[in-house]
Amino acid sequence: MDPSTPRPTGAELEILRILWDRGAATVKQIQSALSAGSGVSGASVLKLLQIMEGKGLVQRDASARAHVFQATCSEDRVQDQLTTHLVDRAFGGSAARLAMRALATRPSSPEELAEIEALLERFRSQDGEGGAE
């Protein structure tokens, strides 16, 4: 997913999450996997997938009777793109402000806090070597 690829909408993200979990799926499988409260019909799923294919977010294998869709972008790449957009628009480019707000608004498990501390320590140790990755 290059930077010019459009950001997925909320409904598109729901579909991408299913594809990231499964690897590939038919329209029917995606519809079944969507939460009952999502309100997205089978026809809507197909239309969303067609739009997503046009955006370059998914690809379709039409060799079988039921077309199989697969994400063309990794979850990490999409998260990077969405995070960069959020940091720039809502936090004036400050990743630190985003992190502090995220930690202040949602509780973190001890395991998550340990991961955050390890990441901060890694960044601190790299600081003398020219900064973070």
N, C-alpha and C. Protein backbone atom coordinates (compact mmCIF):
# COMPACT_ATOMS: atom_id res chain seq x y z
N MET A 1 0.86 -1.18 0.00
CA MET A 1 0.00 0.00 0.00
C MET A 1 0.90 1.23 0.00
N ASP A 2 0.90 1.94 -1.12
CA ASP A 2 1.72 3.14 -1.14
C ASP A 2 0.93 4.31 -0.56
N PRO A 3 1.64 5.40 -0.24
CA PRO A 3 0.97 6.53 0.42
C PRO A 3 -0.19 7.11 -0.37
N SER A 4 -0.23 6.90 -1.69
CA SER A 4 -1.31 7.45 -2.49
C SER A 4 -2.57 6.58 -2.45
N THR A 5 -2.48 5.37 -1.88
CA THR A 5 -3.65 4.51 -1.77
C THR A 5 -4.65 5.16 -0.81
N PRO A 6 -5.90 5.24 -1.20
CA PRO A 6 -6.90 5.86 -0.32
C PRO A 6 -7.01 5.11 1.01
N ARG A 7 -7.26 5.88 2.07
CA ARG A 7 -7.47 5.27 3.39
C ARG A 7 -8.79 4.52 3.37
N PRO A 8 -8.83 3.33 3.97
CA PRO A 8 -10.09 2.59 4.02
C PRO A 8 -11.09 3.26 4.98
N THR A 9 -12.36 3.15 4.63
CA THR A 9 -13.43 3.65 5.50
C THR A 9 -13.62 2.66 6.65
N GLY A 10 -14.49 2.99 7.58
CA GLY A 10 -14.76 2.10 8.70
C GLY A 10 -15.28 0.74 8.25
N ALA A 11 -16.24 0.72 7.31
CA ALA A 11 -16.78 -0.55 6.81
C ALA A 11 -15.71 -1.33 6.06
N GLU A 12 -14.88 -0.63 5.31
CA GLU A 12 -13.79 -1.30 4.59
C GLU A 12 -12.79 -1.91 5.56
N LEU A 13 -12.53 -1.21 6.66
CA LEU A 13 -11.63 -1.76 7.68
C LEU A 13 -12.18 -3.04 8.29
N GLU A 14 -13.49 -3.08 8.52
CA GLU A 14 -14.10 -4.30 9.05
C GLU A 14 -13.84 -5.48 8.11
N ILE A 15 -14.00 -5.24 6.82
CA ILE A 15 -13.76 -6.29 5.83
C ILE A 15 -12.29 -6.66 5.79
N LEU A 16 -11.42 -5.66 5.82
CA LEU A 16 -9.98 -5.94 5.80
C LEU A 16 -9.57 -6.79 7.01
N ARG A 17 -10.13 -6.50 8.17
CA ARG A 17 -9.80 -7.30 9.37
C ARG A 17 -10.14 -8.77 9.16
N ILE A 18 -11.27 -9.01 8.54
CA ILE A 18 -11.68 -10.40 8.24
C ILE A 18 -10.68 -11.03 7.29
N LEU A 19 -10.30 -10.30 6.25
CA LEU A 19 -9.36 -10.85 5.28
C LEU A 19 -7.98 -11.05 5.89
N TRP A 20 -7.54 -10.15 6.77
CA TRP A 20 -6.25 -10.33 7.43
C TRP A 20 -6.28 -11.58 8.32
N ASP A 21 -7.40 -11.82 8.98
CA ASP A 21 -7.53 -13.00 9.85
C ASP A 21 -7.58 -14.29 9.03
N ARG A 22 -8.33 -14.28 7.93
CA ARG A 22 -8.56 -15.49 7.15
C ARG A 22 -7.55 -15.70 6.03
N GLY A 23 -6.97 -14.63 5.55
CA GLY A 23 -6.09 -14.72 4.38
C GLY A 23 -6.85 -14.44 3.10
N ALA A 24 -7.99 -15.09 2.92
CA ALA A 24 -8.85 -14.88 1.76
C ALA A 24 -10.24 -15.37 2.12
N ALA A 25 -11.25 -14.83 1.43
CA ALA A 25 -12.63 -15.22 1.74
C ALA A 25 -13.55 -14.83 0.60
N THR A 26 -14.67 -15.55 0.53
CA THR A 26 -15.72 -15.22 -0.42
C THR A 26 -16.62 -14.13 0.19
N VAL A 27 -17.48 -13.57 -0.64
CA VAL A 27 -18.43 -12.57 -0.15
C VAL A 27 -19.28 -13.18 0.96
N LYS A 28 -19.76 -14.40 0.75
CA LYS A 28 -20.61 -15.07 1.74
C LYS A 28 -19.86 -15.26 3.06
N GLN A 29 -18.60 -15.67 3.00
CA GLN A 29 -17.80 -15.86 4.21
C GLN A 29 -17.58 -14.54 4.94
N ILE A 30 -17.34 -13.49 4.19
CA ILE A 30 -17.16 -12.17 4.80
C ILE A 30 -18.45 -11.72 5.45
N GLN A 31 -19.57 -11.88 4.76
CA GLN A 31 -20.87 -11.50 5.32
C GLN A 31 -21.13 -12.26 6.61
N SER A 32 -20.83 -13.55 6.64
CA SER A 32 -21.05 -14.37 7.84
C SER A 32 -20.15 -13.91 8.99
N ALA A 33 -18.96 -13.47 8.66
CA ALA A 33 -18.00 -13.06 9.69
C ALA A 33 -18.30 -11.68 10.27
N LEU A 34 -19.01 -10.85 9.51
CA LEU A 34 -19.35 -9.52 10.01
C LEU A 34 -20.30 -9.66 11.19
N SER A 35 -20.16 -8.78 12.14
CA SER A 35 -21.04 -8.83 13.31
C SER A 35 -22.49 -8.63 12.87
N ALA A 36 -23.38 -9.28 13.59
CA ALA A 36 -24.81 -9.20 13.26
C ALA A 36 -25.30 -7.76 13.29
N GLY A 37 -24.74 -6.95 14.16
CA GLY A 37 -25.16 -5.57 14.29
C GLY A 37 -24.55 -4.63 13.27
N SER A 38 -23.74 -5.15 12.36
CA SER A 38 -23.07 -4.26 11.41
C SER A 38 -24.05 -3.66 10.41
N GLY A 39 -25.15 -4.38 10.14
CA GLY A 39 -26.14 -3.87 9.21
C GLY A 39 -25.70 -3.88 7.77
N VAL A 40 -24.65 -4.63 7.45
CA VAL A 40 -24.14 -4.69 6.09
C VAL A 40 -24.71 -5.94 5.42
N SER A 41 -25.46 -5.76 4.33
CA SER A 41 -26.07 -6.89 3.63
C SER A 41 -25.04 -7.53 2.69
N GLY A 42 -25.38 -8.72 2.19
CA GLY A 42 -24.50 -9.41 1.24
C GLY A 42 -24.22 -8.57 0.02
N ALA A 43 -25.25 -7.91 -0.51
CA ALA A 43 -25.07 -7.05 -1.67
C ALA A 43 -24.16 -5.87 -1.34
N SER A 44 -24.31 -5.35 -0.13
CA SER A 44 -23.45 -4.24 0.29
C SER A 44 -22.00 -4.70 0.42
N VAL A 45 -21.79 -5.92 0.93
CA VAL A 45 -20.44 -6.45 1.05
C VAL A 45 -19.81 -6.56 -0.34
N LEU A 46 -20.58 -7.09 -1.31
CA LEU A 46 -20.06 -7.21 -2.67
C LEU A 46 -19.72 -5.83 -3.23
N LYS A 47 -20.60 -4.87 -3.04
CA LYS A 47 -20.35 -3.51 -3.55
C LYS A 47 -19.11 -2.90 -2.89
N LEU A 48 -18.99 -3.08 -1.57
CA LEU A 48 -17.80 -2.57 -0.86
C LEU A 48 -16.54 -3.22 -1.40
N LEU A 49 -16.59 -4.53 -1.62
CA LEU A 49 -15.41 -5.23 -2.15
C LEU A 49 -15.05 -4.73 -3.55
N GLN A 50 -16.05 -4.44 -4.37
CA GLN A 50 -15.77 -3.88 -5.70
C GLN A 50 -15.11 -2.51 -5.59
N ILE A 51 -15.60 -1.70 -4.66
CA ILE A 51 -14.99 -0.37 -4.44
C ILE A 51 -13.57 -0.54 -3.93
N MET A 52 -13.41 -1.47 -2.98
CA MET A 52 -12.07 -1.71 -2.41
C MET A 52 -11.10 -2.23 -3.46
N GLU A 53 -11.60 -3.04 -4.39
CA GLU A 53 -10.75 -3.53 -5.48
C GLU A 53 -10.31 -2.35 -6.35
N GLY A 54 -11.23 -1.45 -6.62
CA GLY A 54 -10.90 -0.26 -7.40
C GLY A 54 -9.88 0.63 -6.71
N LYS A 55 -9.92 0.65 -5.39
CA LYS A 55 -8.96 1.44 -4.61
C LYS A 55 -7.61 0.75 -4.47
N GLY A 56 -7.57 -0.53 -4.80
CA GLY A 56 -6.32 -1.28 -4.64
C GLY A 56 -6.15 -1.88 -3.25
N LEU A 57 -7.23 -1.97 -2.48
CA LEU A 57 -7.15 -2.52 -1.13
C LEU A 57 -7.29 -4.04 -1.11
N VAL A 58 -7.99 -4.59 -2.11
CA VAL A 58 -8.18 -6.04 -2.21
C VAL A 58 -7.99 -6.45 -3.66
N GLN A 59 -7.76 -7.75 -3.83
CA GLN A 59 -7.74 -8.32 -5.17
C GLN A 59 -8.70 -9.49 -5.21
N ARG A 60 -9.20 -9.78 -6.38
CA ARG A 60 -10.21 -10.82 -6.54
C ARG A 60 -9.68 -11.93 -7.42
N ASP A 61 -9.90 -13.16 -6.98
CA ASP A 61 -9.60 -14.33 -7.79
C ASP A 61 -10.94 -14.82 -8.34
N ALA A 62 -11.15 -14.64 -9.63
CA ALA A 62 -12.42 -14.99 -10.26
C ALA A 62 -12.37 -16.36 -10.92
N SER A 63 -11.36 -17.16 -10.63
CA SER A 63 -11.21 -18.45 -11.29
C SER A 63 -12.23 -19.48 -10.81
N ALA A 64 -12.75 -19.33 -9.62
CA ALA A 64 -13.77 -20.25 -9.10
C ALA A 64 -15.15 -19.61 -9.26
N ARG A 65 -16.20 -20.40 -9.06
CA ARG A 65 -17.57 -19.88 -9.18
C ARG A 65 -17.80 -18.75 -8.19
N ALA A 66 -17.42 -18.98 -6.93
CA ALA A 66 -17.51 -17.93 -5.91
C ALA A 66 -16.19 -17.18 -5.88
N HIS A 67 -16.23 -15.92 -6.21
CA HIS A 67 -15.00 -15.13 -6.25
C HIS A 67 -14.41 -15.04 -4.84
N VAL A 68 -13.09 -15.14 -4.79
CA VAL A 68 -12.36 -15.10 -3.52
C VAL A 68 -11.58 -13.79 -3.48
N PHE A 69 -11.73 -13.08 -2.37
CA PHE A 69 -11.05 -11.80 -2.19
C PHE A 69 -9.93 -11.94 -1.18
N GLN A 70 -8.88 -11.15 -1.40
CA GLN A 70 -7.72 -11.15 -0.51
C GLN A 70 -7.22 -9.72 -0.37
N ALA A 71 -6.78 -9.36 0.82
CA ALA A 71 -6.23 -8.02 1.05
C ALA A 71 -4.92 -7.87 0.28
N THR A 72 -4.71 -6.71 -0.29
CA THR A 72 -3.46 -6.44 -0.99
C THR A 72 -2.49 -5.63 -0.13
N CYS A 73 -2.95 -5.26 1.05
CA CYS A 73 -2.13 -4.45 1.94
C CYS A 73 -2.11 -5.12 3.31
N SER A 74 -0.99 -5.01 3.99
CA SER A 74 -0.87 -5.63 5.31
C SER A 74 -1.55 -4.76 6.37
N GLU A 75 -1.90 -5.40 7.46
CA GLU A 75 -2.50 -4.68 8.58
C GLU A 75 -1.54 -3.61 9.09
N ASP A 76 -0.26 -3.94 9.19
CA ASP A 76 0.73 -2.97 9.67
C ASP A 76 0.80 -1.74 8.76
N ARG A 77 0.77 -1.95 7.45
CA ARG A 77 0.85 -0.82 6.52
C ARG A 77 -0.37 0.09 6.65
N VAL A 78 -1.55 -0.51 6.78
CA VAL A 78 -2.77 0.29 6.93
C VAL A 78 -2.74 1.04 8.26
N GLN A 79 -2.33 0.36 9.32
CA GLN A 79 -2.24 1.03 10.62
C GLN A 79 -1.23 2.17 10.57
N ASP A 80 -0.11 1.97 9.90
CA ASP A 80 0.89 3.04 9.76
C ASP A 80 0.28 4.24 9.04
N GLN A 81 -0.43 3.97 7.95
CA GLN A 81 -1.03 5.06 7.17
C GLN A 81 -2.07 5.81 7.99
N LEU A 82 -2.95 5.06 8.68
CA LEU A 82 -3.99 5.70 9.47
C LEU A 82 -3.42 6.46 10.66
N THR A 83 -2.39 5.89 11.28
CA THR A 83 -1.76 6.56 12.43
C THR A 83 -1.08 7.85 11.99
N THR A 84 -0.37 7.80 10.89
CA THR A 84 0.29 9.00 10.38
C THR A 84 -0.73 10.09 10.09
N HIS A 85 -1.84 9.71 9.48
CA HIS A 85 -2.90 10.67 9.18
C HIS A 85 -3.47 11.27 10.47
N LEU A 86 -3.73 10.41 11.45
CA LEU A 86 -4.28 10.87 12.72
C LEU A 86 -3.31 11.78 13.46
N VAL A 87 -2.05 11.40 13.51
CA VAL A 87 -1.03 12.22 14.19
C VAL A 87 -0.95 13.60 13.54
N ASP A 88 -0.92 13.61 12.22
CA ASP A 88 -0.81 14.89 11.51
C ASP A 88 -2.05 15.77 11.71
N ARG A 89 -3.24 15.18 11.58
CA ARG A 89 -4.47 15.99 11.61
C ARG A 89 -4.93 16.35 13.01
N ALA A 90 -4.87 15.40 13.94
CA ALA A 90 -5.46 15.64 15.26
C ALA A 90 -4.44 16.04 16.31
N PHE A 91 -3.17 15.72 16.09
CA PHE A 91 -2.16 15.95 17.13
C PHE A 91 -1.00 16.82 16.66
N GLY A 92 -1.23 17.57 15.59
CA GLY A 92 -0.23 18.51 15.11
C GLY A 92 1.12 17.88 14.83
N GLY A 93 1.12 16.62 14.43
CA GLY A 93 2.37 15.94 14.09
C GLY A 93 3.08 15.32 15.29
N SER A 94 2.50 15.41 16.47
CA SER A 94 3.17 14.91 17.67
C SER A 94 2.70 13.49 18.03
N ALA A 95 3.57 12.52 17.77
CA ALA A 95 3.27 11.13 18.14
C ALA A 95 3.19 11.00 19.66
N ALA A 96 3.97 11.79 20.38
CA ALA A 96 3.95 11.74 21.84
C ALA A 96 2.56 12.14 22.37
N ARG A 97 1.98 13.18 21.78
CA ARG A 97 0.65 13.61 22.22
C ARG A 97 -0.39 12.53 21.94
N LEU A 98 -0.27 11.85 20.80
CA LEU A 98 -1.18 10.75 20.49
C LEU A 98 -1.02 9.63 21.51
N ALA A 99 0.21 9.24 21.81
CA ALA A 99 0.45 8.16 22.76
C ALA A 99 -0.08 8.51 24.14
N MET A 100 0.17 9.73 24.59
CA MET A 100 -0.32 10.14 25.91
C MET A 100 -1.84 10.15 25.97
N ARG A 101 -2.49 10.63 24.90
CA ARG A 101 -3.95 10.65 24.85
C ARG A 101 -4.49 9.22 24.85
N ALA A 102 -3.89 8.36 24.05
CA ALA A 102 -4.34 6.96 23.98
C ALA A 102 -4.23 6.29 25.35
N LEU A 103 -3.12 6.51 26.04
CA LEU A 103 -2.92 5.90 27.36
C LEU A 103 -3.86 6.50 28.40
N ALA A 104 -4.23 7.75 28.24
CA ALA A 104 -5.10 8.41 29.20
C ALA A 104 -6.57 8.03 29.01
N THR A 105 -6.94 7.63 27.80
CA THR A 105 -8.36 7.38 27.52
C THR A 105 -8.75 5.90 27.56
N ARG A 106 -7.79 5.00 27.46
CA ARG A 106 -8.08 3.56 27.48
C ARG A 106 -7.13 2.87 28.44
N PRO A 107 -7.67 2.02 29.31
CA PRO A 107 -6.77 1.30 30.22
C PRO A 107 -5.90 0.31 29.45
N SER A 108 -4.67 0.15 29.90
CA SER A 108 -3.74 -0.79 29.29
C SER A 108 -3.45 -1.90 30.28
N SER A 109 -3.29 -3.11 29.75
CA SER A 109 -2.96 -4.25 30.60
C SER A 109 -1.50 -4.13 31.04
N PRO A 110 -1.13 -4.84 32.10
CA PRO A 110 0.28 -4.84 32.49
C PRO A 110 1.20 -5.32 31.37
N GLU A 111 0.72 -6.25 30.56
CA GLU A 111 1.53 -6.75 29.44
C GLU A 111 1.74 -5.65 28.39
N GLU A 112 0.68 -4.91 28.10
CA GLU A 112 0.80 -3.81 27.14
C GLU A 112 1.74 -2.73 27.67
N LEU A 113 1.62 -2.41 28.95
CA LEU A 113 2.51 -1.39 29.54
C LEU A 113 3.96 -1.85 29.49
N ALA A 114 4.21 -3.14 29.71
CA ALA A 114 5.57 -3.67 29.62
C ALA A 114 6.10 -3.54 28.20
N GLU A 115 5.24 -3.81 27.20
CA GLU A 115 5.65 -3.65 25.80
C GLU A 115 5.98 -2.20 25.49
N ILE A 116 5.17 -1.28 26.00
CA ILE A 116 5.41 0.15 25.79
C ILE A 116 6.73 0.56 26.42
N GLU A 117 6.97 0.09 27.66
CA GLU A 117 8.23 0.42 28.34
C GLU A 117 9.43 -0.13 27.57
N ALA A 118 9.31 -1.34 27.03
CA ALA A 118 10.40 -1.93 26.26
C ALA A 118 10.66 -1.13 24.98
N LEU A 119 9.59 -0.69 24.34
CA LEU A 119 9.73 0.12 23.13
C LEU A 119 10.41 1.46 23.45
N LEU A 120 9.97 2.09 24.54
CA LEU A 120 10.60 3.35 24.94
C LEU A 120 12.08 3.15 25.26
N GLU A 121 12.41 2.06 25.92
CA GLU A 121 13.82 1.78 26.25
C GLU A 121 14.63 1.57 24.98
N ARG A 122 14.03 0.89 24.00
CA ARG A 122 14.73 0.69 22.72
C ARG A 122 14.99 2.02 22.04
N PHE A 123 13.99 2.93 22.07
CA PHE A 123 14.17 4.25 21.46
C PHE A 123 15.22 5.05 22.22
N ARG A 124 15.22 4.94 23.55
CA ARG A 124 16.23 5.66 24.35
C ARG A 124 17.63 5.17 24.02
N SER A 125 17.80 3.88 23.87
CA SER A 125 19.13 3.33 23.58
C SER A 125 19.59 3.70 22.18
N GLN A 126 18.65 3.90 21.26
CA GLN A 126 19.00 4.30 19.90
C GLN A 126 19.25 5.79 19.78
N ASP A 127 18.82 6.55 20.78
CA ASP A 127 18.93 8.01 20.72
C ASP A 127 20.36 8.46 20.47
N GLY A 128 21.29 7.79 21.07
CA GLY A 128 22.70 8.13 20.86
C GLY A 128 23.22 7.68 19.52
N GLU A 129 22.43 6.84 18.83
CA GLU A 129 22.84 6.31 17.52
C GLU A 129 22.11 6.97 16.37
N GLY A 130 21.50 8.12 16.58
CA GLY A 130 20.85 8.83 15.50
C GLY A 130 19.34 8.78 15.53
N GLY A 131 18.74 8.31 16.61
CA GLY A 131 17.28 8.36 16.73
C GLY A 131 16.61 7.03 16.52
N ALA A 132 15.28 7.08 16.50
CA ALA A 132 14.46 5.88 16.36
C ALA A 132 14.48 5.39 14.92
N GLU A 133 14.01 4.15 14.75
CA GLU A 133 13.95 3.56 13.40
C GLU A 133 13.06 4.33 12.50
